[in-house]
Each structure stands twice: as C-alpha cells, then as structure tokens.
Amino acid sequence: NNEAIKLLELAVQLNPKEKELWKSLAEAQVRANKKYQALSSL
C-alpha cells in the first residue's frame, strides 16, 4: 500500500482531474491506516 500511495500521488499530480485516481489513492491510504488522508482524497 505505501508503494501504491507514492505512485498514486505522482499520478494525481500528472492528472488531478481524474476522480478514479483520487479514489484509488484513498483506498491505498485506508489500507495503510491513513484514514484522515483518505477522507481528504475522497
């Protein structure tokens, strides 16, 4: 999950208007127990 978060953070920088990327980032953050960050992504 932490590796996924790093990639998804890069992905949303490249394409901040893609909601699916934000949703995927939130899912990775939830699984990494970063729930408040996940709420921000959602």
PDB file of all heavy atoms in Angstrom:
ATOM      1  N   ASN A   1       0.800  -1.230   0.000  1.00  0.00           N
ATOM      2  CA  ASN A   1       0.000   0.000   0.000  1.00  0.00           C
ATOM      3  C   ASN A   1       0.829   1.275   0.000  1.00  0.00           C
ATOM      4  O   ASN A   1       0.467   2.254  -0.656  1.00  0.00           O
ATOM      5  CB  ASN A   1      -0.949  -0.022   1.206  1.00  0.00           C
ATOM      6  CG  ASN A   1      -1.875  -1.218   1.165  1.00  0.00           C
ATOM      7  OD1 ASN A   1      -2.571  -1.444   0.188  1.00  0.00           O
ATOM      8  ND2 ASN A   1      -1.863  -2.016   2.211  1.00  0.00           N
ATOM      9  N   ASN A   2       1.921   1.303   0.737  1.00  0.00           N
ATOM     10  CA  ASN A   2       2.750   2.513   0.772  1.00  0.00           C
ATOM     11  C   ASN A   2       3.383   2.795  -0.581  1.00  0.00           C
ATOM     12  O   ASN A   2       3.483   3.957  -0.996  1.00  0.00           O
ATOM     13  CB  ASN A   2       3.826   2.388   1.859  1.00  0.00           C
ATOM     14  CG  ASN A   2       3.242   2.465   3.253  1.00  0.00           C
ATOM     15  OD1 ASN A   2       2.339   3.270   3.516  1.00  0.00           O
ATOM     16  ND2 ASN A   2       3.728   1.640   4.160  1.00  0.00           N
ATOM     17  N   GLU A   3       3.790   1.729  -1.277  1.00  0.00           N
ATOM     18  CA  GLU A   3       4.344   1.901  -2.620  1.00  0.00           C
ATOM     19  C   GLU A   3       3.262   2.412  -3.566  1.00  0.00           C
ATOM     20  O   GLU A   3       3.507   3.278  -4.423  1.00  0.00           O
ATOM     21  CB  GLU A   3       4.916   0.580  -3.141  1.00  0.00           C
ATOM     22  CG  GLU A   3       6.165   0.082  -2.429  1.00  0.00           C
ATOM     23  CD  GLU A   3       5.850  -0.694  -1.156  1.00  0.00           C
ATOM     24  OE1 GLU A   3       4.667  -0.699  -0.737  1.00  0.00           O
ATOM     25  OE2 GLU A   3       6.785  -1.256  -0.574  1.00  0.00           O
ATOM     26  N   ALA A   4       2.051   1.880  -3.403  1.00  0.00           N
ATOM     27  CA  ALA A   4       0.927   2.319  -4.234  1.00  0.00           C
ATOM     28  C   ALA A   4       0.614   3.794  -3.995  1.00  0.00           C
ATOM     29  O   ALA A   4       0.326   4.540  -4.941  1.00  0.00           O
ATOM     30  CB  ALA A   4      -0.305   1.465  -3.938  1.00  0.00           C
ATOM     31  N   ILE A   5       0.692   4.213  -2.740  1.00  0.00           N
ATOM     32  CA  ILE A   5       0.418   5.615  -2.414  1.00  0.00           C
ATOM     33  C   ILE A   5       1.389   6.540  -3.138  1.00  0.00           C
ATOM     34  O   ILE A   5       0.996   7.569  -3.699  1.00  0.00           O
ATOM     35  CB  ILE A   5       0.487   5.835  -0.889  1.00  0.00           C
ATOM     36  CG1 ILE A   5      -0.719   5.188  -0.203  1.00  0.00           C
ATOM     37  CG2 ILE A   5       0.533   7.331  -0.544  1.00  0.00           C
ATOM     38  CD1 ILE A   5      -0.637   5.174   1.309  1.00  0.00           C
ATOM     39  N   LYS A   6       2.660   6.174  -3.136  1.00  0.00           N
ATOM     40  CA  LYS A   6       3.673   7.005  -3.798  1.00  0.00           C
ATOM     41  C   LYS A   6       3.372   7.143  -5.291  1.00  0.00           C
ATOM     42  O   LYS A   6       3.476   8.242  -5.857  1.00  0.00           O
ATOM     43  CB  LYS A   6       5.056   6.400  -3.590  1.00  0.00           C
ATOM     44  CG  LYS A   6       5.553   6.469  -2.146  1.00  0.00           C
ATOM     45  CD  LYS A   6       6.883   5.761  -1.983  1.00  0.00           C
ATOM     46  CE  LYS A   6       7.336   5.767  -0.520  1.00  0.00           C
ATOM     47  NZ  LYS A   6       8.597   5.016  -0.329  1.00  0.00           N
ATOM     48  N   LEU A   7       2.993   6.032  -5.914  1.00  0.00           N
ATOM     49  CA  LEU A   7       2.686   6.083  -7.345  1.00  0.00           C
ATOM     50  C   LEU A   7       1.426   6.904  -7.610  1.00  0.00           C
ATOM     51  O   LEU A   7       1.377   7.700  -8.553  1.00  0.00           O
ATOM     52  CB  LEU A   7       2.501   4.672  -7.892  1.00  0.00           C
ATOM     53  CG  LEU A   7       3.763   3.810  -8.010  1.00  0.00           C
ATOM     54  CD1 LEU A   7       3.413   2.464  -8.616  1.00  0.00           C
ATOM     55  CD2 LEU A   7       4.819   4.503  -8.853  1.00  0.00           C
ATOM     56  N   LEU A   8       0.425   6.720  -6.790  1.00  0.00           N
ATOM     57  CA  LEU A   8      -0.835   7.441  -6.996  1.00  0.00           C
ATOM     58  C   LEU A   8      -0.692   8.931  -6.712  1.00  0.00           C
ATOM     59  O   LEU A   8      -1.361   9.759  -7.336  1.00  0.00           O
ATOM     60  CB  LEU A   8      -1.935   6.825  -6.133  1.00  0.00           C
ATOM     61  CG  LEU A   8      -2.429   5.467  -6.641  1.00  0.00           C
ATOM     62  CD1 LEU A   8      -3.190   4.711  -5.567  1.00  0.00           C
ATOM     63  CD2 LEU A   8      -3.298   5.646  -7.885  1.00  0.00           C
ATOM     64  N   GLU A   9       0.170   9.288  -5.778  1.00  0.00           N
ATOM     65  CA  GLU A   9       0.439  10.703  -5.537  1.00  0.00           C
ATOM     66  C   GLU A   9       1.074  11.328  -6.776  1.00  0.00           C
ATOM     67  O   GLU A   9       0.784  12.484  -7.119  1.00  0.00           O
ATOM     68  CB  GLU A   9       1.335  10.873  -4.310  1.00  0.00           C
ATOM     69  CG  GLU A   9       0.604  10.625  -2.991  1.00  0.00           C
ATOM     70  CD  GLU A   9       1.517  10.675  -1.790  1.00  0.00           C
ATOM     71  OE1 GLU A   9       2.757  10.516  -1.966  1.00  0.00           O
ATOM     72  OE2 GLU A   9       1.023  10.858  -0.670  1.00  0.00           O
ATOM     73  N   LEU A  10       1.937  10.566  -7.436  1.00  0.00           N
ATOM     74  CA  LEU A  10       2.513  11.039  -8.699  1.00  0.00           C
ATOM     75  C   LEU A  10       1.432  11.133  -9.775  1.00  0.00           C
ATOM     76  O   LEU A  10       1.359  12.122 -10.518  1.00  0.00           O
ATOM     77  CB  LEU A  10       3.626  10.091  -9.156  1.00  0.00           C
ATOM     78  CG  LEU A  10       4.202  10.341 -10.553  1.00  0.00           C
ATOM     79  CD1 LEU A  10       4.811  11.740 -10.644  1.00  0.00           C
ATOM     80  CD2 LEU A  10       5.244   9.279 -10.896  1.00  0.00           C
ATOM     81  N   ALA A  11       0.569  10.123  -9.817  1.00  0.00           N
ATOM     82  CA  ALA A  11      -0.485  10.084 -10.840  1.00  0.00           C
ATOM     83  C   ALA A  11      -1.427  11.276 -10.728  1.00  0.00           C
ATOM     84  O   ALA A  11      -1.796  11.878 -11.740  1.00  0.00           O
ATOM     85  CB  ALA A  11      -1.262   8.777 -10.731  1.00  0.00           C
ATOM     86  N   VAL A  12      -1.826  11.632  -9.494  1.00  0.00           N
ATOM     87  CA  VAL A  12      -2.765  12.761  -9.347  1.00  0.00           C
ATOM     88  C   VAL A  12      -2.072  14.096  -9.609  1.00  0.00           C
ATOM     89  O   VAL A  12      -2.730  15.079  -9.950  1.00  0.00           O
ATOM     90  CB  VAL A  12      -3.439  12.765  -7.957  1.00  0.00           C
ATOM     91  CG1 VAL A  12      -4.317  11.541  -7.779  1.00  0.00           C
ATOM     92  CG2 VAL A  12      -2.426  12.888  -6.833  1.00  0.00           C
ATOM     93  N   GLN A  13      -0.763  14.133  -9.474  1.00  0.00           N
ATOM     94  CA  GLN A  13      -0.042  15.348  -9.864  1.00  0.00           C
ATOM     95  C   GLN A  13      -0.071  15.507 -11.385  1.00  0.00           C
ATOM     96  O   GLN A  13      -0.224  16.626 -11.899  1.00  0.00           O
ATOM     97  CB  GLN A  13       1.402  15.288  -9.362  1.00  0.00           C
ATOM     98  CG  GLN A  13       1.548  15.501  -7.865  1.00  0.00           C
ATOM     99  CD  GLN A  13       2.997  15.462  -7.414  1.00  0.00           C
ATOM    100  OE1 GLN A  13       3.909  15.675  -8.215  1.00  0.00           O
ATOM    101  NE2 GLN A  13       3.216  15.185  -6.153  1.00  0.00           N
ATOM    102  N   LEU A  14       0.074  14.396 -12.084  1.00  0.00           N
ATOM    103  CA  LEU A  14       0.047  14.436 -13.543  1.00  0.00           C
ATOM    104  C   LEU A  14      -1.360  14.689 -14.072  1.00  0.00           C
ATOM    105  O   LEU A  14      -1.538  15.336 -15.105  1.00  0.00           O
ATOM    106  CB  LEU A  14       0.568  13.108 -14.110  1.00  0.00           C
ATOM    107  CG  LEU A  14       2.036  12.766 -13.840  1.00  0.00           C
ATOM    108  CD1 LEU A  14       2.348  11.367 -14.368  1.00  0.00           C
ATOM    109  CD2 LEU A  14       2.964  13.787 -14.475  1.00  0.00           C
ATOM    110  N   ASN A  15      -2.357  14.192 -13.343  1.00  0.00           N
ATOM    111  CA  ASN A  15      -3.737  14.261 -13.820  1.00  0.00           C
ATOM    112  C   ASN A  15      -4.689  14.507 -12.643  1.00  0.00           C
ATOM    113  O   ASN A  15      -5.423  13.603 -12.224  1.00  0.00           O
ATOM    114  CB  ASN A  15      -4.089  12.947 -14.537  1.00  0.00           C
ATOM    115  CG  ASN A  15      -5.416  13.009 -15.249  1.00  0.00           C
ATOM    116  OD1 ASN A  15      -6.050  14.055 -15.332  1.00  0.00           O
ATOM    117  ND2 ASN A  15      -5.859  11.872 -15.766  1.00  0.00           N
ATOM    118  N   PRO A  16      -4.708  15.704 -12.091  1.00  0.00           N
ATOM    119  CA  PRO A  16      -5.501  15.988 -10.886  1.00  0.00           C
ATOM    120  C   PRO A  16      -7.007  15.987 -11.107  1.00  0.00           C
ATOM    121  O   PRO A  16      -7.765  16.025 -10.131  1.00  0.00           O
ATOM    122  CB  PRO A  16      -5.018  17.380 -10.474  1.00  0.00           C
ATOM    123  CG  PRO A  16      -4.526  17.999 -11.734  1.00  0.00           C
ATOM    124  CD  PRO A  16      -3.934  16.883 -12.539  1.00  0.00           C
ATOM    125  N   LYS A  17      -7.460  15.915 -12.348  1.00  0.00           N
ATOM    126  CA  LYS A  17      -8.894  15.956 -12.625  1.00  0.00           C
ATOM    127  C   LYS A  17      -9.498  14.568 -12.841  1.00  0.00           C
ATOM    128  O   LYS A  17     -10.651  14.458 -13.229  1.00  0.00           O
ATOM    129  CB  LYS A  17      -9.159  16.837 -13.847  1.00  0.00           C
ATOM    130  CG  LYS A  17      -8.832  18.307 -13.613  1.00  0.00           C
ATOM    131  CD  LYS A  17      -9.191  19.155 -14.821  1.00  0.00           C
ATOM    132  CE  LYS A  17      -8.874  20.636 -14.574  1.00  0.00           C
ATOM    133  NZ  LYS A  17      -9.223  21.467 -15.745  1.00  0.00           N
ATOM    134  N   GLU A  18      -8.724  13.524 -12.580  1.00  0.00           N
ATOM    135  CA  GLU A  18      -9.220  12.157 -12.746  1.00  0.00           C
ATOM    136  C   GLU A  18      -9.680  11.621 -11.386  1.00  0.00           C
ATOM    137  O   GLU A  18      -8.858  11.268 -10.534  1.00  0.00           O
ATOM    138  CB  GLU A  18      -8.137  11.268 -13.346  1.00  0.00           C
ATOM    139  CG  GLU A  18      -8.523   9.800 -13.501  1.00  0.00           C
ATOM    140  CD  GLU A  18      -9.825   9.628 -14.251  1.00  0.00           C
ATOM    141  OE1 GLU A  18      -9.899  10.002 -15.435  1.00  0.00           O
ATOM    142  OE2 GLU A  18     -10.777   9.123 -13.621  1.00  0.00           O
ATOM    143  N   LYS A  19     -10.995  11.563 -11.170  1.00  0.00           N
ATOM    144  CA  LYS A  19     -11.534  11.175  -9.859  1.00  0.00           C
ATOM    145  C   LYS A  19     -11.171   9.740  -9.484  1.00  0.00           C
ATOM    146  O   LYS A  19     -11.003   9.431  -8.303  1.00  0.00           O
ATOM    147  CB  LYS A  19     -13.044  11.351  -9.822  1.00  0.00           C
ATOM    148  CG  LYS A  19     -13.827  10.400 -10.682  1.00  0.00           C
ATOM    149  CD  LYS A  19     -15.313  10.528 -10.480  1.00  0.00           C
ATOM    150  CE  LYS A  19     -16.068   9.628 -11.439  1.00  0.00           C
ATOM    151  NZ  LYS A  19     -15.737   8.196 -11.259  1.00  0.00           N
ATOM    152  N   GLU A  20     -11.059   8.836 -10.469  1.00  0.00           N
ATOM    153  CA  GLU A  20     -10.736   7.453 -10.166  1.00  0.00           C
ATOM    154  C   GLU A  20      -9.362   7.319  -9.521  1.00  0.00           C
ATOM    155  O   GLU A  20      -9.145   6.442  -8.680  1.00  0.00           O
ATOM    156  CB  GLU A  20     -10.820   6.592 -11.429  1.00  0.00           C
ATOM    157  CG  GLU A  20     -12.221   6.436 -11.987  1.00  0.00           C
ATOM    158  CD  GLU A  20     -13.187   5.782 -11.001  1.00  0.00           C
ATOM    159  OE1 GLU A  20     -12.736   4.919 -10.218  1.00  0.00           O
ATOM    160  OE2 GLU A  20     -14.377   6.130 -11.013  1.00  0.00           O
ATOM    161  N   LEU A  21      -8.450   8.197  -9.908  1.00  0.00           N
ATOM    162  CA  LEU A  21      -7.123   8.178  -9.290  1.00  0.00           C
ATOM    163  C   LEU A  21      -7.211   8.607  -7.827  1.00  0.00           C
ATOM    164  O   LEU A  21      -6.554   8.023  -6.953  1.00  0.00           O
ATOM    165  CB  LEU A  21      -6.168   9.099 -10.046  1.00  0.00           C
ATOM    166  CG  LEU A  21      -5.790   8.648 -11.463  1.00  0.00           C
ATOM    167  CD1 LEU A  21      -4.942   9.722 -12.149  1.00  0.00           C
ATOM    168  CD2 LEU A  21      -5.035   7.323 -11.426  1.00  0.00           C
ATOM    169  N   TRP A  22      -8.043   9.606  -7.536  1.00  0.00           N
ATOM    170  CA  TRP A  22      -8.227  10.050  -6.147  1.00  0.00           C
ATOM    171  C   TRP A  22      -8.883   8.951  -5.324  1.00  0.00           C
ATOM    172  O   TRP A  22      -8.528   8.734  -4.161  1.00  0.00           O
ATOM    173  CB  TRP A  22      -9.059  11.327  -6.110  1.00  0.00           C
ATOM    174  CG  TRP A  22      -8.324  12.544  -6.581  1.00  0.00           C
ATOM    175  CD1 TRP A  22      -8.513  13.227  -7.745  1.00  0.00           C
ATOM    176  CD2 TRP A  22      -7.264  13.244  -5.894  1.00  0.00           C
ATOM    177  NE1 TRP A  22      -7.650  14.292  -7.836  1.00  0.00           N
ATOM    178  CE2 TRP A  22      -6.875  14.326  -6.714  1.00  0.00           C
ATOM    179  CE3 TRP A  22      -6.615  13.047  -4.670  1.00  0.00           C
ATOM    180  CZ2 TRP A  22      -5.865  15.210  -6.339  1.00  0.00           C
ATOM    181  CZ3 TRP A  22      -5.612  13.920  -4.296  1.00  0.00           C
ATOM    182  CH2 TRP A  22      -5.237  14.990  -5.139  1.00  0.00           C
ATOM    183  N   LYS A  23      -9.829   8.241  -5.924  1.00  0.00           N
ATOM    184  CA  LYS A  23     -10.497   7.147  -5.220  1.00  0.00           C
ATOM    185  C   LYS A  23      -9.516   6.005  -4.934  1.00  0.00           C
ATOM    186  O   LYS A  23      -9.523   5.428  -3.845  1.00  0.00           O
ATOM    187  CB  LYS A  23     -11.674   6.630  -6.052  1.00  0.00           C
ATOM    188  CG  LYS A  23     -12.866   7.580  -6.077  1.00  0.00           C
ATOM    189  CD  LYS A  23     -13.909   7.164  -7.109  1.00  0.00           C
ATOM    190  CE  LYS A  23     -14.508   5.814  -6.818  1.00  0.00           C
ATOM    191  NZ  LYS A  23     -15.544   5.451  -7.824  1.00  0.00           N
ATOM    192  N   SER A  24      -8.667   5.705  -5.905  1.00  0.00           N
ATOM    193  CA  SER A  24      -7.666   4.654  -5.702  1.00  0.00           C
ATOM    194  C   SER A  24      -6.664   5.066  -4.630  1.00  0.00           C
ATOM    195  O   SER A  24      -6.252   4.248  -3.800  1.00  0.00           O
ATOM    196  CB  SER A  24      -6.935   4.355  -7.016  1.00  0.00           C
ATOM    197  OG  SER A  24      -7.815   3.819  -7.978  1.00  0.00           O
ATOM    198  N   LEU A  25      -6.273   6.336  -4.654  1.00  0.00           N
ATOM    199  CA  LEU A  25      -5.355   6.845  -3.637  1.00  0.00           C
ATOM    200  C   LEU A  25      -5.988   6.710  -2.249  1.00  0.00           C
ATOM    201  O   LEU A  25      -5.331   6.277  -1.291  1.00  0.00           O
ATOM    202  CB  LEU A  25      -5.000   8.301  -3.922  1.00  0.00           C
ATOM    203  CG  LEU A  25      -4.121   9.017  -2.874  1.00  0.00           C
ATOM    204  CD1 LEU A  25      -2.811   8.273  -2.656  1.00  0.00           C
ATOM    205  CD2 LEU A  25      -3.854  10.462  -3.314  1.00  0.00           C
ATOM    206  N   ALA A  26      -7.260   7.054  -2.147  1.00  0.00           N
ATOM    207  CA  ALA A  26      -7.966   6.929  -0.864  1.00  0.00           C
ATOM    208  C   ALA A  26      -7.979   5.485  -0.382  1.00  0.00           C
ATOM    209  O   ALA A  26      -7.780   5.207   0.801  1.00  0.00           O
ATOM    210  CB  ALA A  26      -9.389   7.461  -1.001  1.00  0.00           C
ATOM    211  N   GLU A  27      -8.201   4.551  -1.306  1.00  0.00           N
ATOM    212  CA  GLU A  27      -8.248   3.140  -0.928  1.00  0.00           C
ATOM    213  C   GLU A  27      -6.895   2.674  -0.401  1.00  0.00           C
ATOM    214  O   GLU A  27      -6.826   1.954   0.605  1.00  0.00           O
ATOM    215  CB  GLU A  27      -8.665   2.289  -2.130  1.00  0.00           C
ATOM    216  CG  GLU A  27      -8.975   0.850  -1.787  1.00  0.00           C
ATOM    217  CD  GLU A  27     -10.114   0.716  -0.795  1.00  0.00           C
ATOM    218  OE1 GLU A  27     -11.072   1.518  -0.859  1.00  0.00           O
ATOM    219  OE2 GLU A  27     -10.045  -0.196   0.057  1.00  0.00           O
ATOM    220  N   ALA A  28      -5.833   3.073  -1.067  1.00  0.00           N
ATOM    221  CA  ALA A  28      -4.493   2.714  -0.600  1.00  0.00           C
ATOM    222  C   ALA A  28      -4.224   3.340   0.773  1.00  0.00           C
ATOM    223  O   ALA A  28      -3.628   2.702   1.652  1.00  0.00           O
ATOM    224  CB  ALA A  28      -3.443   3.168  -1.608  1.00  0.00           C
ATOM    225  N   GLN A  29      -4.663   4.562   0.963  1.00  0.00           N
ATOM    226  CA  GLN A  29      -4.454   5.245   2.239  1.00  0.00           C
ATOM    227  C   GLN A  29      -5.235   4.578   3.371  1.00  0.00           C
ATOM    228  O   GLN A  29      -4.737   4.459   4.489  1.00  0.00           O
ATOM    229  CB  GLN A  29      -4.848   6.719   2.105  1.00  0.00           C
ATOM    230  CG  GLN A  29      -3.863   7.519   1.247  1.00  0.00           C
ATOM    231  CD  GLN A  29      -4.396   8.872   0.831  1.00  0.00           C
ATOM    232  OE1 GLN A  29      -5.603   9.066   0.689  1.00  0.00           O
ATOM    233  NE2 GLN A  29      -3.497   9.828   0.612  1.00  0.00           N
ATOM    234  N   VAL A  30      -6.451   4.134   3.076  1.00  0.00           N
ATOM    235  CA  VAL A  30      -7.228   3.417   4.091  1.00  0.00           C
ATOM    236  C   VAL A  30      -6.499   2.152   4.511  1.00  0.00           C
ATOM    237  O   VAL A  30      -6.360   1.853   5.700  1.00  0.00           O
ATOM    238  CB  VAL A  30      -8.638   3.057   3.560  1.00  0.00           C
ATOM    239  CG1 VAL A  30      -9.325   2.063   4.483  1.00  0.00           C
ATOM    240  CG2 VAL A  30      -9.493   4.303   3.437  1.00  0.00           C
ATOM    241  N   ARG A  31      -6.010   1.412   3.532  1.00  0.00           N
ATOM    242  CA  ARG A  31      -5.344   0.139   3.826  1.00  0.00           C
ATOM    243  C   ARG A  31      -4.010   0.346   4.529  1.00  0.00           C
ATOM    244  O   ARG A  31      -3.524  -0.562   5.204  1.00  0.00           O
ATOM    245  CB  ARG A  31      -5.156  -0.649   2.536  1.00  0.00           C
ATOM    246  CG  ARG A  31      -6.478  -1.014   1.876  1.00  0.00           C
ATOM    247  CD  ARG A  31      -6.296  -1.986   0.747  1.00  0.00           C
ATOM    248  NE  ARG A  31      -7.550  -2.248   0.058  1.00  0.00           N
ATOM    249  CZ  ARG A  31      -7.795  -3.342  -0.656  1.00  0.00           C
ATOM    250  NH1 ARG A  31      -6.863  -4.283  -0.765  1.00  0.00           N
ATOM    251  NH2 ARG A  31      -8.945  -3.504  -1.255  1.00  0.00           N
ATOM    252  N   ALA A  32      -3.434   1.531   4.371  1.00  0.00           N
ATOM    253  CA  ALA A  32      -2.191   1.862   5.074  1.00  0.00           C
ATOM    254  C   ALA A  32      -2.480   2.566   6.399  1.00  0.00           C
ATOM    255  O   ALA A  32      -1.569   3.109   7.021  1.00  0.00           O
ATOM    256  CB  ALA A  32      -1.314   2.748   4.193  1.00  0.00           C
ATOM    257  N   ASN A  33      -3.753   2.544   6.815  1.00  0.00           N
ATOM    258  CA  ASN A  33      -4.195   3.158   8.070  1.00  0.00           C
ATOM    259  C   ASN A  33      -3.945   4.662   8.100  1.00  0.00           C
ATOM    260  O   ASN A  33      -3.607   5.233   9.140  1.00  0.00           O
ATOM    261  CB  ASN A  33      -3.531   2.479   9.276  1.00  0.00           C
ATOM    262  CG  ASN A  33      -4.312   2.699  10.561  1.00  0.00           C
ATOM    263  OD1 ASN A  33      -5.531   2.853  10.542  1.00  0.00           O
ATOM    264  ND2 ASN A  33      -3.616   2.740  11.675  1.00  0.00           N
ATOM    265  N   LYS A  34      -4.126   5.288   6.940  1.00  0.00           N
ATOM    266  CA  LYS A  34      -4.023   6.746   6.844  1.00  0.00           C
ATOM    267  C   LYS A  34      -5.414   7.285   6.485  1.00  0.00           C
ATOM    268  O   LYS A  34      -5.649   7.843   5.423  1.00  0.00           O
ATOM    269  CB  LYS A  34      -2.982   7.127   5.781  1.00  0.00           C
ATOM    270  CG  LYS A  34      -1.566   6.647   6.125  1.00  0.00           C
ATOM    271  CD  LYS A  34      -0.575   6.994   5.029  1.00  0.00           C
ATOM    272  CE  LYS A  34       0.833   6.527   5.411  1.00  0.00           C
ATOM    273  NZ  LYS A  34       1.833   6.848   4.357  1.00  0.00           N
ATOM    274  N   LYS A  35      -6.334   7.086   7.434  1.00  0.00           N
ATOM    275  CA  LYS A  35      -7.752   7.312   7.153  1.00  0.00           C
ATOM    276  C   LYS A  35      -8.100   8.782   6.945  1.00  0.00           C
ATOM    277  O   LYS A  35      -8.944   9.111   6.110  1.00  0.00           O
ATOM    278  CB  LYS A  35      -8.603   6.703   8.263  1.00  0.00           C
ATOM    279  CG  LYS A  35      -8.511   5.177   8.335  1.00  0.00           C
ATOM    280  CD  LYS A  35      -9.451   4.609   9.368  1.00  0.00           C
ATOM    281  CE  LYS A  35      -9.446   3.079   9.336  1.00  0.00           C
ATOM    282  NZ  LYS A  35      -8.183   2.498   9.796  1.00  0.00           N
ATOM    283  N   TYR A  36      -7.474   9.675   7.691  1.00  0.00           N
ATOM    284  CA  TYR A  36      -7.774  11.100   7.516  1.00  0.00           C
ATOM    285  C   TYR A  36      -7.286  11.594   6.157  1.00  0.00           C
ATOM    286  O   TYR A  36      -7.936  12.416   5.509  1.00  0.00           O
ATOM    287  CB  TYR A  36      -7.164  11.922   8.649  1.00  0.00           C
ATOM    288  CG  TYR A  36      -7.880  11.727   9.968  1.00  0.00           C
ATOM    289  CD1 TYR A  36      -7.324  10.931  10.967  1.00  0.00           C
ATOM    290  CD2 TYR A  36      -9.123  12.311  10.204  1.00  0.00           C
ATOM    291  CE1 TYR A  36      -7.987  10.729  12.172  1.00  0.00           C
ATOM    292  CE2 TYR A  36      -9.791  12.120  11.411  1.00  0.00           C
ATOM    293  CZ  TYR A  36      -9.221  11.329  12.384  1.00  0.00           C
ATOM    294  OH  TYR A  36      -9.887  11.126  13.581  1.00  0.00           O
ATOM    295  N   GLN A  37      -6.141  11.079   5.718  1.00  0.00           N
ATOM    296  CA  GLN A  37      -5.657  11.419   4.376  1.00  0.00           C
ATOM    297  C   GLN A  37      -6.607  10.863   3.318  1.00  0.00           C
ATOM    298  O   GLN A  37      -6.846  11.498   2.280  1.00  0.00           O
ATOM    299  CB  GLN A  37      -4.250  10.860   4.182  1.00  0.00           C
ATOM    300  CG  GLN A  37      -3.197  11.535   5.060  1.00  0.00           C
ATOM    301  CD  GLN A  37      -1.810  10.967   4.822  1.00  0.00           C
ATOM    302  OE1 GLN A  37      -1.499  10.471   3.754  1.00  0.00           O
ATOM    303  NE2 GLN A  37      -0.962  11.060   5.848  1.00  0.00           N
ATOM    304  N   ALA A  38      -7.156   9.678   3.588  1.00  0.00           N
ATOM    305  CA  ALA A  38      -8.104   9.071   2.649  1.00  0.00           C
ATOM    306  C   ALA A  38      -9.362   9.931   2.520  1.00  0.00           C
ATOM    307  O   ALA A  38      -9.888  10.113   1.414  1.00  0.00           O
ATOM    308  CB  ALA A  38      -8.477   7.667   3.118  1.00  0.00           C
ATOM    309  N   LEU A  39      -9.839  10.473   3.638  1.00  0.00           N
ATOM    310  CA  LEU A  39     -11.002  11.356   3.591  1.00  0.00           C
ATOM    311  C   LEU A  39     -10.712  12.588   2.737  1.00  0.00           C
ATOM    312  O   LEU A  39     -11.568  13.039   1.971  1.00  0.00           O
ATOM    313  CB  LEU A  39     -11.392  11.780   5.013  1.00  0.00           C
ATOM    314  CG  LEU A  39     -12.017  10.691   5.886  1.00  0.00           C
ATOM    315  CD1 LEU A  39     -12.130  11.177   7.331  1.00  0.00           C
ATOM    316  CD2 LEU A  39     -13.391  10.290   5.358  1.00  0.00           C
ATOM    317  N   SER A  40      -9.502  13.118   2.868  1.00  0.00           N
ATOM    318  CA  SER A  40      -9.110  14.276   2.073  1.00  0.00           C
ATOM    319  C   SER A  40      -9.101  13.930   0.583  1.00  0.00           C
ATOM    320  O   SER A  40      -9.563  14.725  -0.256  1.00  0.00           O
ATOM    321  CB  SER A  40      -7.728  14.772   2.510  1.00  0.00           C
ATOM    322  OG  SER A  40      -7.310  15.861   1.727  1.00  0.00           O
ATOM    323  N   SER A  41      -8.599  12.754   0.242  1.00  0.00           N
ATOM    324  CA  SER A  41      -8.568  12.323  -1.159  1.00  0.00           C
ATOM    325  C   SER A  41      -9.981  12.157  -1.710  1.00  0.00           C
ATOM    326  O   SER A  41     -10.272  12.535  -2.857  1.00  0.00           O
ATOM    327  CB  SER A  41      -7.796  11.006  -1.291  1.00  0.00           C
ATOM    328  OG  SER A  41      -6.441  11.185  -0.934  1.00  0.00           O
ATOM    329  N   LEU A  42     -10.874  11.589  -0.890  1.00  0.00           N
ATOM    330  CA  LEU A  42     -12.257  11.409  -1.335  1.00  0.00           C
ATOM    331  C   LEU A  42     -12.958  12.751  -1.502  1.00  0.00           C
ATOM    332  O   LEU A  42     -13.816  12.900  -2.389  1.00  0.00           O
ATOM    333  CB  LEU A  42     -13.019  10.524  -0.346  1.00  0.00           C
ATOM    334  CG  LEU A  42     -12.610   9.048  -0.347  1.00  0.00           C
ATOM    335  CD1 LEU A  42     -13.345   8.291   0.749  1.00  0.00           C
ATOM    336  CD2 LEU A  42     -12.887   8.399  -1.704  1.00  0.00           C
TER     337      LEU A  42
END
